[in-house]
Amino acid sequence: MAKLERELSGDFTEILRRIEDGIIHGSVSASLEDSSDFYEKDARCSVRVFERFSYIGSNRVSLSVTLFQSKGGPVHLSAITAGGSQAIFFKINTFGEEAFLDKLRELL
């Protein structure tokens, strides 16, 4: 598992659109598996779960991205990857997870 957390400035909707488009069009096997959006008063939260095939690990990896903003403040991002290991009892070969997260880093 790999994790990235950032505080971003900019328009929430534009940041979300850039992430969605960049991840989906950044890999031939990438897909948006599901999404969820919450609004309450001055707060907004969006969750996106992406998946793609990792050629390095010969398996599928997922990337969960959460964006949160309250009262026009900064946009908080939390991104976590999973599924990149081939071992049963411990994690080995997590290159696919890191590569997926690196794509998000490029977009930011």
N, C-alpha and C. Protein backbone atom coordinates (compact mmCIF):
# COMPACT_ATOMS: atom_id res chain seq x y z
N MET A 1 0.84 -1.16 0.00
CA MET A 1 0.00 0.00 0.00
C MET A 1 0.89 1.23 0.00
N ALA A 2 0.49 2.20 -0.79
CA ALA A 2 1.21 3.47 -0.84
C ALA A 2 0.20 4.58 -0.61
N LYS A 3 0.65 5.67 0.00
CA LYS A 3 -0.27 6.76 0.35
C LYS A 3 0.35 8.10 0.01
N LEU A 4 -0.50 9.03 -0.44
CA LEU A 4 -0.10 10.39 -0.73
C LEU A 4 -1.15 11.32 -0.13
N GLU A 5 -0.70 12.30 0.64
CA GLU A 5 -1.61 13.30 1.19
C GLU A 5 -1.06 14.68 0.88
N ARG A 6 -1.94 15.55 0.42
CA ARG A 6 -1.54 16.90 0.04
C ARG A 6 -2.63 17.90 0.39
N GLU A 7 -2.22 19.15 0.54
CA GLU A 7 -3.14 20.27 0.66
C GLU A 7 -2.98 21.07 -0.62
N LEU A 8 -4.08 21.26 -1.34
CA LEU A 8 -4.02 21.90 -2.65
C LEU A 8 -4.80 23.20 -2.65
N SER A 9 -4.39 24.11 -3.50
CA SER A 9 -5.17 25.33 -3.70
C SER A 9 -5.74 25.28 -5.11
N GLY A 10 -6.87 25.89 -5.30
CA GLY A 10 -7.51 25.89 -6.60
C GLY A 10 -8.97 25.49 -6.49
N ASP A 11 -9.62 25.43 -7.63
CA ASP A 11 -11.03 25.10 -7.72
C ASP A 11 -11.25 23.60 -7.52
N PHE A 12 -12.08 23.24 -6.56
CA PHE A 12 -12.34 21.85 -6.23
C PHE A 12 -12.77 21.05 -7.47
N THR A 13 -13.74 21.57 -8.20
CA THR A 13 -14.27 20.87 -9.38
C THR A 13 -13.19 20.67 -10.43
N GLU A 14 -12.36 21.65 -10.65
CA GLU A 14 -11.30 21.55 -11.65
C GLU A 14 -10.23 20.54 -11.22
N ILE A 15 -9.89 20.53 -9.95
CA ILE A 15 -8.92 19.55 -9.45
C ILE A 15 -9.46 18.14 -9.64
N LEU A 16 -10.72 17.94 -9.29
CA LEU A 16 -11.34 16.62 -9.44
C LEU A 16 -11.39 16.20 -10.90
N ARG A 17 -11.77 17.10 -11.78
CA ARG A 17 -11.83 16.79 -13.21
C ARG A 17 -10.45 16.42 -13.76
N ARG A 18 -9.45 17.17 -13.35
CA ARG A 18 -8.09 16.89 -13.82
C ARG A 18 -7.60 15.51 -13.36
N ILE A 19 -7.91 15.16 -12.13
CA ILE A 19 -7.53 13.85 -11.61
C ILE A 19 -8.25 12.74 -12.38
N GLU A 20 -9.57 12.88 -12.52
CA GLU A 20 -10.35 11.86 -13.24
C GLU A 20 -9.85 11.67 -14.66
N ASP A 21 -9.75 12.76 -15.40
CA ASP A 21 -9.31 12.68 -16.80
C ASP A 21 -7.89 12.16 -16.91
N GLY A 22 -7.02 12.64 -16.06
CA GLY A 22 -5.61 12.25 -16.12
C GLY A 22 -5.39 10.78 -15.82
N ILE A 23 -6.10 10.26 -14.82
CA ILE A 23 -5.94 8.85 -14.47
C ILE A 23 -6.55 7.96 -15.56
N ILE A 24 -7.75 8.28 -15.98
CA ILE A 24 -8.44 7.44 -16.98
C ILE A 24 -7.70 7.45 -18.32
N HIS A 25 -7.21 8.60 -18.73
CA HIS A 25 -6.53 8.69 -20.02
C HIS A 25 -5.02 8.44 -19.91
N GLY A 26 -4.53 8.24 -18.69
CA GLY A 26 -3.11 8.03 -18.47
C GLY A 26 -2.67 6.58 -18.60
N SER A 27 -3.61 5.67 -18.76
CA SER A 27 -3.29 4.26 -18.89
C SER A 27 -4.39 3.59 -19.71
N VAL A 28 -3.99 2.73 -20.62
CA VAL A 28 -4.96 2.06 -21.47
C VAL A 28 -5.89 1.16 -20.67
N SER A 29 -5.46 0.68 -19.50
CA SER A 29 -6.28 -0.24 -18.71
C SER A 29 -6.97 0.43 -17.53
N ALA A 30 -6.79 1.74 -17.35
CA ALA A 30 -7.37 2.43 -16.19
C ALA A 30 -8.87 2.63 -16.36
N SER A 31 -9.58 2.48 -15.25
CA SER A 31 -11.03 2.71 -15.26
C SER A 31 -11.46 3.34 -13.93
N LEU A 32 -12.55 4.07 -13.99
CA LEU A 32 -13.17 4.60 -12.78
C LEU A 32 -14.17 3.56 -12.31
N GLU A 33 -13.89 2.93 -11.19
CA GLU A 33 -14.73 1.83 -10.70
C GLU A 33 -15.99 2.34 -10.01
N ASP A 34 -15.85 3.40 -9.23
CA ASP A 34 -17.03 3.96 -8.56
C ASP A 34 -16.68 5.34 -8.02
N SER A 35 -17.72 6.07 -7.66
CA SER A 35 -17.52 7.43 -7.14
C SER A 35 -18.62 7.75 -6.14
N SER A 36 -18.33 8.74 -5.29
CA SER A 36 -19.29 9.19 -4.31
C SER A 36 -19.02 10.66 -4.01
N ASP A 37 -20.08 11.44 -3.86
CA ASP A 37 -19.95 12.87 -3.59
C ASP A 37 -20.89 13.25 -2.45
N PHE A 38 -20.36 14.06 -1.51
CA PHE A 38 -21.14 14.53 -0.38
C PHE A 38 -21.04 16.05 -0.29
N TYR A 39 -22.16 16.67 0.03
CA TYR A 39 -22.21 18.12 0.24
C TYR A 39 -22.96 18.37 1.53
N GLU A 40 -22.42 19.23 2.36
CA GLU A 40 -23.13 19.64 3.56
C GLU A 40 -22.72 21.06 3.91
N LYS A 41 -23.67 21.95 3.90
CA LYS A 41 -23.42 23.37 4.15
C LYS A 41 -22.24 23.84 3.31
N ASP A 42 -21.13 24.22 3.96
CA ASP A 42 -19.98 24.75 3.25
C ASP A 42 -18.88 23.71 3.02
N ALA A 43 -19.22 22.43 3.13
CA ALA A 43 -18.21 21.38 2.97
C ALA A 43 -18.57 20.48 1.78
N ARG A 44 -17.52 19.96 1.17
CA ARG A 44 -17.68 19.06 0.02
C ARG A 44 -16.63 17.94 0.12
N CYS A 45 -17.06 16.74 -0.19
CA CYS A 45 -16.16 15.59 -0.18
C CYS A 45 -16.46 14.72 -1.40
N SER A 46 -15.43 14.34 -2.14
CA SER A 46 -15.57 13.46 -3.30
C SER A 46 -14.60 12.30 -3.16
N VAL A 47 -15.09 11.11 -3.43
CA VAL A 47 -14.28 9.90 -3.38
C VAL A 47 -14.33 9.25 -4.75
N ARG A 48 -13.16 8.85 -5.26
CA ARG A 48 -13.06 8.16 -6.55
C ARG A 48 -12.18 6.93 -6.36
N VAL A 49 -12.63 5.82 -6.93
CA VAL A 49 -11.85 4.58 -6.88
C VAL A 49 -11.54 4.17 -8.32
N PHE A 50 -10.25 4.14 -8.62
CA PHE A 50 -9.76 3.77 -9.95
C PHE A 50 -9.09 2.41 -9.87
N GLU A 51 -9.00 1.75 -11.01
CA GLU A 51 -8.30 0.48 -11.08
C GLU A 51 -7.58 0.41 -12.41
N ARG A 52 -6.44 -0.28 -12.42
CA ARG A 52 -5.71 -0.50 -13.66
C ARG A 52 -4.86 -1.76 -13.55
N PHE A 53 -4.44 -2.26 -14.68
CA PHE A 53 -3.58 -3.43 -14.72
C PHE A 53 -2.14 -2.98 -14.57
N SER A 54 -1.39 -3.67 -13.73
CA SER A 54 0.02 -3.39 -13.54
C SER A 54 0.83 -4.43 -14.30
N TYR A 55 1.48 -3.99 -15.36
CA TYR A 55 2.30 -4.91 -16.16
C TYR A 55 3.50 -5.42 -15.35
N ILE A 56 4.02 -4.57 -14.49
CA ILE A 56 5.18 -4.95 -13.68
C ILE A 56 4.81 -6.10 -12.73
N GLY A 57 3.67 -5.98 -12.07
CA GLY A 57 3.26 -6.99 -11.11
C GLY A 57 2.34 -8.05 -11.68
N SER A 58 1.93 -7.88 -12.93
CA SER A 58 0.98 -8.81 -13.57
C SER A 58 -0.29 -8.99 -12.73
N ASN A 59 -0.81 -7.88 -12.22
CA ASN A 59 -2.04 -7.92 -11.44
C ASN A 59 -2.75 -6.56 -11.55
N ARG A 60 -3.91 -6.45 -10.93
CA ARG A 60 -4.64 -5.19 -10.95
C ARG A 60 -4.38 -4.45 -9.63
N VAL A 61 -4.29 -3.14 -9.73
CA VAL A 61 -4.11 -2.30 -8.55
C VAL A 61 -5.22 -1.26 -8.51
N SER A 62 -5.57 -0.83 -7.32
CA SER A 62 -6.60 0.20 -7.18
C SER A 62 -5.99 1.46 -6.58
N LEU A 63 -6.63 2.56 -6.87
CA LEU A 63 -6.25 3.87 -6.34
C LEU A 63 -7.51 4.54 -5.85
N SER A 64 -7.58 4.82 -4.56
CA SER A 64 -8.70 5.53 -3.97
C SER A 64 -8.27 6.97 -3.70
N VAL A 65 -9.03 7.91 -4.23
CA VAL A 65 -8.72 9.33 -4.08
C VAL A 65 -9.88 10.01 -3.36
N THR A 66 -9.57 10.72 -2.29
CA THR A 66 -10.57 11.49 -1.56
C THR A 66 -10.15 12.96 -1.57
N LEU A 67 -11.08 13.82 -1.96
CA LEU A 67 -10.89 15.27 -1.89
C LEU A 67 -11.89 15.83 -0.89
N PHE A 68 -11.43 16.77 -0.06
CA PHE A 68 -12.31 17.40 0.92
C PHE A 68 -12.00 18.89 0.99
N GLN A 69 -13.07 19.68 1.05
CA GLN A 69 -12.91 21.13 1.20
C GLN A 69 -14.02 21.65 2.10
N SER A 70 -13.66 22.55 3.01
CA SER A 70 -14.62 23.15 3.91
C SER A 70 -14.51 24.67 3.86
N LYS A 71 -15.62 25.34 3.73
CA LYS A 71 -15.72 26.80 3.79
C LYS A 71 -14.74 27.51 2.87
N GLY A 72 -14.53 27.02 1.66
CA GLY A 72 -13.65 27.67 0.71
C GLY A 72 -12.18 27.60 1.05
N GLY A 73 -11.83 26.77 2.02
CA GLY A 73 -10.43 26.61 2.42
C GLY A 73 -9.68 25.77 1.40
N PRO A 74 -8.50 25.30 1.78
CA PRO A 74 -7.73 24.46 0.85
C PRO A 74 -8.43 23.13 0.58
N VAL A 75 -8.09 22.54 -0.54
CA VAL A 75 -8.62 21.22 -0.88
C VAL A 75 -7.64 20.19 -0.31
N HIS A 76 -8.15 19.29 0.51
CA HIS A 76 -7.32 18.24 1.10
C HIS A 76 -7.47 16.98 0.24
N LEU A 77 -6.33 16.38 -0.10
CA LEU A 77 -6.32 15.17 -0.90
C LEU A 77 -5.69 14.04 -0.12
N SER A 78 -6.33 12.88 -0.17
CA SER A 78 -5.76 11.65 0.37
C SER A 78 -5.91 10.59 -0.71
N ALA A 79 -4.80 9.97 -1.11
CA ALA A 79 -4.82 8.94 -2.14
C ALA A 79 -4.10 7.71 -1.62
N ILE A 80 -4.76 6.55 -1.74
CA ILE A 80 -4.20 5.30 -1.24
C ILE A 80 -4.34 4.23 -2.31
N THR A 81 -3.25 3.51 -2.56
CA THR A 81 -3.28 2.41 -3.52
C THR A 81 -3.32 1.08 -2.77
N ALA A 82 -3.80 0.05 -3.46
CA ALA A 82 -3.85 -1.29 -2.87
C ALA A 82 -3.90 -2.32 -3.99
N GLY A 83 -3.54 -3.53 -3.62
CA GLY A 83 -3.69 -4.65 -4.54
C GLY A 83 -2.47 -4.98 -5.36
N GLY A 84 -1.35 -4.37 -5.11
CA GLY A 84 -0.18 -4.58 -5.95
C GLY A 84 0.75 -5.69 -5.53
N SER A 85 0.39 -6.44 -4.52
CA SER A 85 1.29 -7.49 -4.05
C SER A 85 0.86 -8.86 -4.54
N GLN A 86 1.84 -9.74 -4.70
CA GLN A 86 1.53 -11.09 -5.14
C GLN A 86 1.70 -12.12 -4.02
N ALA A 87 2.16 -11.71 -2.88
CA ALA A 87 2.41 -12.64 -1.78
C ALA A 87 1.12 -12.91 -1.00
N ILE A 88 1.12 -14.01 -0.25
CA ILE A 88 -0.05 -14.38 0.53
C ILE A 88 -0.02 -13.76 1.92
N PHE A 89 1.13 -13.81 2.59
CA PHE A 89 1.20 -13.38 3.98
C PHE A 89 1.90 -12.05 4.20
N PHE A 90 2.61 -11.54 3.22
CA PHE A 90 3.28 -10.24 3.36
C PHE A 90 3.37 -9.61 1.98
N LYS A 91 3.67 -8.33 1.96
CA LYS A 91 3.66 -7.59 0.69
C LYS A 91 5.03 -7.62 0.03
N ILE A 92 5.04 -8.06 -1.21
CA ILE A 92 6.23 -7.95 -2.05
C ILE A 92 5.78 -7.41 -3.40
N ASN A 93 6.71 -6.86 -4.15
CA ASN A 93 6.42 -6.36 -5.49
C ASN A 93 5.29 -5.34 -5.49
N THR A 94 5.51 -4.22 -4.82
CA THR A 94 4.51 -3.16 -4.78
C THR A 94 4.81 -2.06 -5.81
N PHE A 95 5.59 -2.40 -6.82
CA PHE A 95 5.95 -1.42 -7.85
C PHE A 95 4.71 -0.85 -8.56
N GLY A 96 3.73 -1.71 -8.81
CA GLY A 96 2.52 -1.26 -9.50
C GLY A 96 1.77 -0.21 -8.72
N GLU A 97 1.72 -0.37 -7.40
CA GLU A 97 1.04 0.61 -6.55
C GLU A 97 1.76 1.95 -6.61
N GLU A 98 3.08 1.92 -6.48
CA GLU A 98 3.87 3.16 -6.53
C GLU A 98 3.74 3.84 -7.88
N ALA A 99 3.74 3.06 -8.96
CA ALA A 99 3.61 3.63 -10.31
C ALA A 99 2.26 4.31 -10.48
N PHE A 100 1.19 3.72 -9.93
CA PHE A 100 -0.14 4.31 -10.02
C PHE A 100 -0.16 5.63 -9.27
N LEU A 101 0.43 5.65 -8.09
CA LEU A 101 0.49 6.88 -7.29
C LEU A 101 1.37 7.92 -7.97
N ASP A 102 2.43 7.50 -8.63
CA ASP A 102 3.29 8.44 -9.37
C ASP A 102 2.52 9.16 -10.47
N LYS A 103 1.58 8.48 -11.11
CA LYS A 103 0.75 9.12 -12.13
C LYS A 103 -0.06 10.26 -11.52
N LEU A 104 -0.60 10.03 -10.33
CA LEU A 104 -1.36 11.08 -9.64
C LEU A 104 -0.43 12.23 -9.27
N ARG A 105 0.77 11.93 -8.80
CA ARG A 105 1.73 12.99 -8.45
C ARG A 105 1.99 13.89 -9.67
N GLU A 106 2.14 13.28 -10.84
CA GLU A 106 2.36 14.05 -12.07
C GLU A 106 1.20 15.00 -12.34
N LEU A 107 -0.02 14.55 -12.10
CA LEU A 107 -1.21 15.36 -12.37
C LEU A 107 -1.32 16.55 -11.43
N LEU A 108 -0.81 16.39 -10.21
CA LEU A 108 -0.92 17.44 -9.22
C LEU A 108 0.11 18.52 -9.46
